């Protein structure tokens, strides 16, 4: 228990969990994906399952930093080969990033 004088210095604050599906969707749109809505939902579902099912070790990073890295690489792959399907491009980026972790 803190003294009253010290309690007065602290203010209550609210922290919200970011909407990662919306963040993924916007990042995919910025990278040039046209089916970003459905891909973002699938992508987040996969990362959420991986976070829940795999062990809680340090080298398993399923947060926003890992999501951003995968989507930036997926955008680079899409720009390098604009004729390939967006599903295949995203799957390739996911495979390249996540298989070495597992």
N, C-alpha and C. Protein backbone atom coordinates (compact mmCIF):
# COMPACT_ATOMS: atom_id res chain seq x y z
N UNK A 1 0.84 -1.17 0.00
CA UNK A 1 0.00 0.00 0.00
C UNK A 1 0.89 1.24 0.00
N UNK A 2 0.57 2.19 -0.87
CA UNK A 2 1.34 3.42 -1.00
C UNK A 2 0.80 4.50 -0.06
N UNK A 3 1.67 5.40 0.39
CA UNK A 3 1.20 6.54 1.20
C UNK A 3 0.30 7.46 0.36
N UNK A 4 -0.60 8.19 1.04
CA UNK A 4 -1.56 9.05 0.35
C UNK A 4 -0.87 10.13 -0.49
N UNK A 5 0.22 10.69 0.00
CA UNK A 5 0.94 11.72 -0.75
C UNK A 5 1.50 11.18 -2.06
N UNK A 6 1.95 9.94 -2.05
CA UNK A 6 2.48 9.32 -3.27
C UNK A 6 1.35 8.89 -4.21
N UNK A 7 0.24 8.43 -3.63
CA UNK A 7 -0.91 8.04 -4.46
C UNK A 7 -1.44 9.22 -5.27
N UNK A 8 -1.36 10.41 -4.71
CA UNK A 8 -1.88 11.60 -5.40
C UNK A 8 -1.07 11.92 -6.66
N UNK A 9 0.16 11.47 -6.72
CA UNK A 9 1.00 11.74 -7.89
C UNK A 9 0.68 10.83 -9.07
N UNK A 10 0.05 9.70 -8.80
CA UNK A 10 -0.29 8.75 -9.87
C UNK A 10 -1.69 9.02 -10.39
N UNK A 11 -1.83 9.00 -11.67
CA UNK A 11 -3.15 9.19 -12.29
C UNK A 11 -3.59 7.88 -12.93
N UNK A 12 -4.86 7.57 -12.86
CA UNK A 12 -5.34 6.36 -13.54
C UNK A 12 -5.29 6.55 -15.05
N UNK A 13 -4.98 5.48 -15.74
CA UNK A 13 -4.96 5.55 -17.20
C UNK A 13 -5.50 4.24 -17.77
N UNK A 14 -5.98 4.34 -18.97
CA UNK A 14 -6.55 3.19 -19.65
C UNK A 14 -5.68 2.84 -20.84
N UNK A 15 -5.39 1.57 -21.01
CA UNK A 15 -4.60 1.09 -22.13
C UNK A 15 -5.48 0.14 -22.93
N UNK A 16 -5.53 0.37 -24.23
CA UNK A 16 -6.34 -0.48 -25.10
C UNK A 16 -5.44 -1.39 -25.92
N UNK A 17 -5.95 -2.56 -26.23
CA UNK A 17 -5.24 -3.49 -27.11
C UNK A 17 -5.48 -3.02 -28.54
N UNK A 18 -4.42 -2.88 -29.35
CA UNK A 18 -4.63 -2.41 -30.72
C UNK A 18 -5.37 -3.45 -31.56
N UNK A 19 -6.12 -2.98 -32.53
CA UNK A 19 -6.84 -3.85 -33.44
C UNK A 19 -5.87 -4.29 -34.53
N UNK A 20 -5.26 -5.47 -34.34
CA UNK A 20 -4.22 -5.92 -35.25
C UNK A 20 -4.75 -6.28 -36.63
N UNK A 21 -6.00 -6.69 -36.72
CA UNK A 21 -6.58 -6.98 -38.04
C UNK A 21 -6.63 -5.71 -38.87
N UNK A 22 -7.07 -4.62 -38.26
CA UNK A 22 -7.14 -3.34 -38.96
C UNK A 22 -5.74 -2.84 -39.33
N UNK A 23 -4.78 -3.02 -38.44
CA UNK A 23 -3.41 -2.62 -38.73
C UNK A 23 -2.85 -3.44 -39.89
N UNK A 24 -3.08 -4.75 -39.87
CA UNK A 24 -2.63 -5.62 -40.97
C UNK A 24 -3.27 -5.22 -42.29
N UNK A 25 -4.55 -4.96 -42.24
CA UNK A 25 -5.27 -4.59 -43.46
C UNK A 25 -4.71 -3.29 -44.05
N UNK A 26 -4.49 -2.30 -43.22
CA UNK A 26 -3.95 -1.03 -43.71
C UNK A 26 -2.53 -1.19 -44.24
N UNK A 27 -1.72 -1.99 -43.57
CA UNK A 27 -0.36 -2.21 -44.05
C UNK A 27 -0.37 -2.94 -45.39
N UNK A 28 -1.27 -3.91 -45.54
CA UNK A 28 -1.36 -4.63 -46.81
C UNK A 28 -1.82 -3.72 -47.93
N UNK A 29 -2.78 -2.86 -47.64
CA UNK A 29 -3.22 -1.90 -48.65
C UNK A 29 -2.08 -0.98 -49.05
N UNK A 30 -1.30 -0.55 -48.08
CA UNK A 30 -0.17 0.33 -48.37
C UNK A 30 0.89 -0.38 -49.20
N UNK A 31 0.99 -1.70 -49.06
CA UNK A 31 1.96 -2.47 -49.83
C UNK A 31 1.43 -2.87 -51.20
N UNK A 32 0.16 -2.59 -51.48
CA UNK A 32 -0.38 -2.84 -52.81
C UNK A 32 -1.28 -4.06 -52.95
N UNK A 33 -1.68 -4.66 -51.86
CA UNK A 33 -2.58 -5.82 -51.92
C UNK A 33 -4.00 -5.34 -52.15
N UNK A 34 -4.71 -6.00 -53.07
CA UNK A 34 -6.09 -5.60 -53.35
C UNK A 34 -7.10 -6.38 -52.50
N UNK A 35 -6.74 -7.59 -52.09
CA UNK A 35 -7.63 -8.40 -51.25
C UNK A 35 -7.18 -8.34 -49.79
N UNK A 36 -6.84 -7.16 -49.34
CA UNK A 36 -6.25 -6.98 -48.01
C UNK A 36 -7.22 -7.35 -46.89
N UNK A 37 -8.50 -7.14 -47.09
CA UNK A 37 -9.47 -7.41 -46.03
C UNK A 37 -9.48 -8.88 -45.62
N UNK A 38 -9.66 -9.77 -46.59
CA UNK A 38 -9.71 -11.20 -46.26
C UNK A 38 -8.34 -11.73 -45.85
N UNK A 39 -7.29 -11.25 -46.50
CA UNK A 39 -5.95 -11.72 -46.15
C UNK A 39 -5.55 -11.29 -44.74
N UNK A 40 -5.93 -10.09 -44.34
CA UNK A 40 -5.58 -9.61 -43.00
C UNK A 40 -6.27 -10.46 -41.93
N UNK A 41 -7.51 -10.83 -42.16
CA UNK A 41 -8.23 -11.67 -41.20
C UNK A 41 -7.56 -13.04 -41.09
N UNK A 42 -7.21 -13.63 -42.22
CA UNK A 42 -6.55 -14.94 -42.20
C UNK A 42 -5.17 -14.85 -41.55
N UNK A 43 -4.45 -13.80 -41.87
CA UNK A 43 -3.11 -13.60 -41.33
C UNK A 43 -3.16 -13.46 -39.81
N UNK A 44 -4.07 -12.65 -39.30
CA UNK A 44 -4.18 -12.45 -37.86
C UNK A 44 -4.64 -13.74 -37.16
N UNK A 45 -5.54 -14.46 -37.78
CA UNK A 45 -5.99 -15.72 -37.19
C UNK A 45 -4.83 -16.70 -37.06
N UNK A 46 -4.00 -16.78 -38.08
CA UNK A 46 -2.83 -17.65 -38.02
C UNK A 46 -1.88 -17.23 -36.90
N UNK A 47 -1.57 -15.95 -36.83
CA UNK A 47 -0.63 -15.48 -35.80
C UNK A 47 -1.21 -15.63 -34.40
N UNK A 48 -2.49 -15.45 -34.26
CA UNK A 48 -3.14 -15.64 -32.97
C UNK A 48 -3.08 -17.10 -32.54
N UNK A 49 -3.32 -18.01 -33.48
CA UNK A 49 -3.22 -19.44 -33.17
C UNK A 49 -1.79 -19.83 -32.80
N UNK A 50 -0.82 -19.31 -33.54
CA UNK A 50 0.57 -19.62 -33.24
C UNK A 50 0.95 -19.11 -31.85
N UNK A 51 0.49 -17.92 -31.52
CA UNK A 51 0.80 -17.35 -30.20
C UNK A 51 0.18 -18.19 -29.09
N UNK A 52 -1.03 -18.70 -29.31
CA UNK A 52 -1.72 -19.47 -28.29
C UNK A 52 -1.21 -20.90 -28.17
N UNK A 53 -0.86 -21.52 -29.31
CA UNK A 53 -0.55 -22.94 -29.30
C UNK A 53 0.92 -23.26 -29.05
N UNK A 54 1.82 -22.40 -29.50
CA UNK A 54 3.24 -22.68 -29.31
C UNK A 54 3.68 -22.24 -27.92
N UNK A 55 4.81 -22.76 -27.49
CA UNK A 55 5.30 -22.44 -26.15
C UNK A 55 5.69 -20.96 -26.06
N UNK A 56 5.79 -20.47 -24.86
CA UNK A 56 6.05 -19.05 -24.61
C UNK A 56 7.55 -18.77 -24.53
N UNK A 57 8.32 -19.23 -25.49
CA UNK A 57 9.76 -19.00 -25.48
C UNK A 57 10.10 -17.68 -26.14
N UNK A 58 11.30 -17.18 -25.84
CA UNK A 58 11.72 -15.85 -26.30
C UNK A 58 11.78 -15.75 -27.83
N UNK A 59 12.19 -16.81 -28.51
CA UNK A 59 12.38 -16.70 -29.96
C UNK A 59 11.06 -16.77 -30.74
N UNK A 60 9.97 -17.04 -30.07
CA UNK A 60 8.67 -16.97 -30.71
C UNK A 60 8.11 -15.57 -30.52
N UNK A 61 8.18 -14.77 -31.56
CA UNK A 61 7.66 -13.40 -31.50
C UNK A 61 6.48 -13.31 -32.46
N UNK A 62 5.29 -13.16 -31.93
CA UNK A 62 4.09 -13.09 -32.76
C UNK A 62 3.41 -11.74 -32.60
N UNK A 63 4.14 -10.73 -32.20
CA UNK A 63 3.58 -9.42 -31.95
C UNK A 63 3.59 -8.53 -33.19
N UNK A 64 3.38 -7.26 -32.94
CA UNK A 64 3.28 -6.29 -34.03
C UNK A 64 4.58 -6.14 -34.80
N UNK A 65 5.70 -6.26 -34.12
CA UNK A 65 6.99 -6.15 -34.81
C UNK A 65 7.15 -7.27 -35.84
N UNK A 66 6.79 -8.50 -35.47
CA UNK A 66 6.89 -9.63 -36.40
C UNK A 66 5.88 -9.49 -37.53
N UNK A 67 4.69 -9.02 -37.21
CA UNK A 67 3.66 -8.82 -38.24
C UNK A 67 4.14 -7.80 -39.27
N UNK A 68 4.69 -6.70 -38.80
CA UNK A 68 5.17 -5.67 -39.71
C UNK A 68 6.29 -6.19 -40.60
N UNK A 69 7.21 -6.96 -40.03
CA UNK A 69 8.31 -7.51 -40.82
C UNK A 69 7.81 -8.41 -41.94
N UNK A 70 6.88 -9.28 -41.62
CA UNK A 70 6.33 -10.19 -42.63
C UNK A 70 5.60 -9.41 -43.72
N UNK A 71 4.82 -8.42 -43.35
CA UNK A 71 4.04 -7.68 -44.34
C UNK A 71 4.93 -6.80 -45.22
N UNK A 72 6.01 -6.27 -44.68
CA UNK A 72 6.94 -5.48 -45.50
C UNK A 72 7.61 -6.38 -46.54
N UNK A 73 8.02 -7.58 -46.12
CA UNK A 73 8.62 -8.53 -47.07
C UNK A 73 7.59 -8.99 -48.10
N UNK A 74 6.35 -9.21 -47.66
CA UNK A 74 5.30 -9.61 -48.60
C UNK A 74 5.06 -8.52 -49.64
N UNK A 75 5.10 -7.27 -49.22
CA UNK A 75 4.96 -6.16 -50.17
C UNK A 75 6.10 -6.11 -51.16
N UNK A 76 7.31 -6.35 -50.69
CA UNK A 76 8.47 -6.37 -51.59
C UNK A 76 8.35 -7.52 -52.60
N UNK A 77 7.90 -8.68 -52.13
CA UNK A 77 7.70 -9.81 -53.04
C UNK A 77 6.61 -9.51 -54.05
N UNK A 78 5.56 -8.84 -53.62
CA UNK A 78 4.46 -8.49 -54.54
C UNK A 78 4.93 -7.51 -55.60
N UNK A 79 5.73 -6.53 -55.19
CA UNK A 79 6.25 -5.57 -56.17
C UNK A 79 7.23 -6.22 -57.14
N UNK A 80 7.97 -7.23 -56.66
CA UNK A 80 8.93 -7.91 -57.53
C UNK A 80 8.23 -8.79 -58.56
N UNK A 81 7.08 -9.35 -58.19
CA UNK A 81 6.34 -10.23 -59.10
C UNK A 81 4.86 -9.86 -59.03
N UNK A 82 4.45 -8.79 -59.72
CA UNK A 82 3.06 -8.31 -59.59
C UNK A 82 2.01 -9.24 -60.19
N UNK A 83 2.42 -10.20 -61.02
CA UNK A 83 1.46 -11.09 -61.66
C UNK A 83 1.07 -12.29 -60.80
N UNK A 84 1.84 -12.59 -59.77
CA UNK A 84 1.53 -13.75 -58.93
C UNK A 84 0.34 -13.45 -58.02
N UNK A 85 -0.29 -14.51 -57.55
CA UNK A 85 -1.47 -14.32 -56.70
C UNK A 85 -1.06 -13.79 -55.33
N UNK A 86 -1.91 -12.97 -54.76
CA UNK A 86 -1.61 -12.35 -53.47
C UNK A 86 -1.54 -13.39 -52.36
N UNK A 87 -2.37 -14.43 -52.44
CA UNK A 87 -2.32 -15.50 -51.44
C UNK A 87 -0.95 -16.17 -51.44
N UNK A 88 -0.45 -16.46 -52.64
CA UNK A 88 0.84 -17.14 -52.76
C UNK A 88 1.98 -16.25 -52.25
N UNK A 89 1.90 -14.96 -52.54
CA UNK A 89 2.94 -14.03 -52.08
C UNK A 89 2.96 -13.97 -50.55
N UNK A 90 1.79 -13.85 -49.95
CA UNK A 90 1.73 -13.79 -48.49
C UNK A 90 2.19 -15.10 -47.86
N UNK A 91 1.80 -16.22 -48.44
CA UNK A 91 2.23 -17.53 -47.92
C UNK A 91 3.74 -17.68 -48.02
N UNK A 92 4.33 -17.18 -49.09
CA UNK A 92 5.79 -17.27 -49.24
C UNK A 92 6.49 -16.44 -48.16
N UNK A 93 5.99 -15.24 -47.93
CA UNK A 93 6.57 -14.39 -46.89
C UNK A 93 6.41 -15.03 -45.52
N UNK A 94 5.25 -15.59 -45.24
CA UNK A 94 5.02 -16.26 -43.96
C UNK A 94 5.95 -17.46 -43.80
N UNK A 95 6.11 -18.24 -44.86
CA UNK A 95 6.99 -19.40 -44.79
C UNK A 95 8.44 -18.97 -44.56
N UNK A 96 8.88 -17.97 -45.30
CA UNK A 96 10.26 -17.52 -45.16
C UNK A 96 10.58 -17.00 -43.77
N UNK A 97 9.61 -16.36 -43.13
CA UNK A 97 9.85 -15.80 -41.81
C UNK A 97 9.61 -16.77 -40.67
N UNK A 98 8.63 -17.64 -40.80
CA UNK A 98 8.21 -18.43 -39.64
C UNK A 98 8.80 -19.82 -39.57
N UNK A 99 9.16 -20.42 -40.68
CA UNK A 99 9.73 -21.77 -40.63
C UNK A 99 11.05 -21.78 -39.85
N UNK A 100 11.93 -20.82 -40.03
CA UNK A 100 13.16 -20.84 -39.21
C UNK A 100 12.89 -20.68 -37.70
N UNK A 101 11.83 -20.01 -37.32
CA UNK A 101 11.51 -19.85 -35.90
C UNK A 101 11.09 -21.17 -35.28
N UNK A 102 10.33 -21.95 -36.06
CA UNK A 102 9.74 -23.18 -35.53
C UNK A 102 10.73 -24.31 -35.65
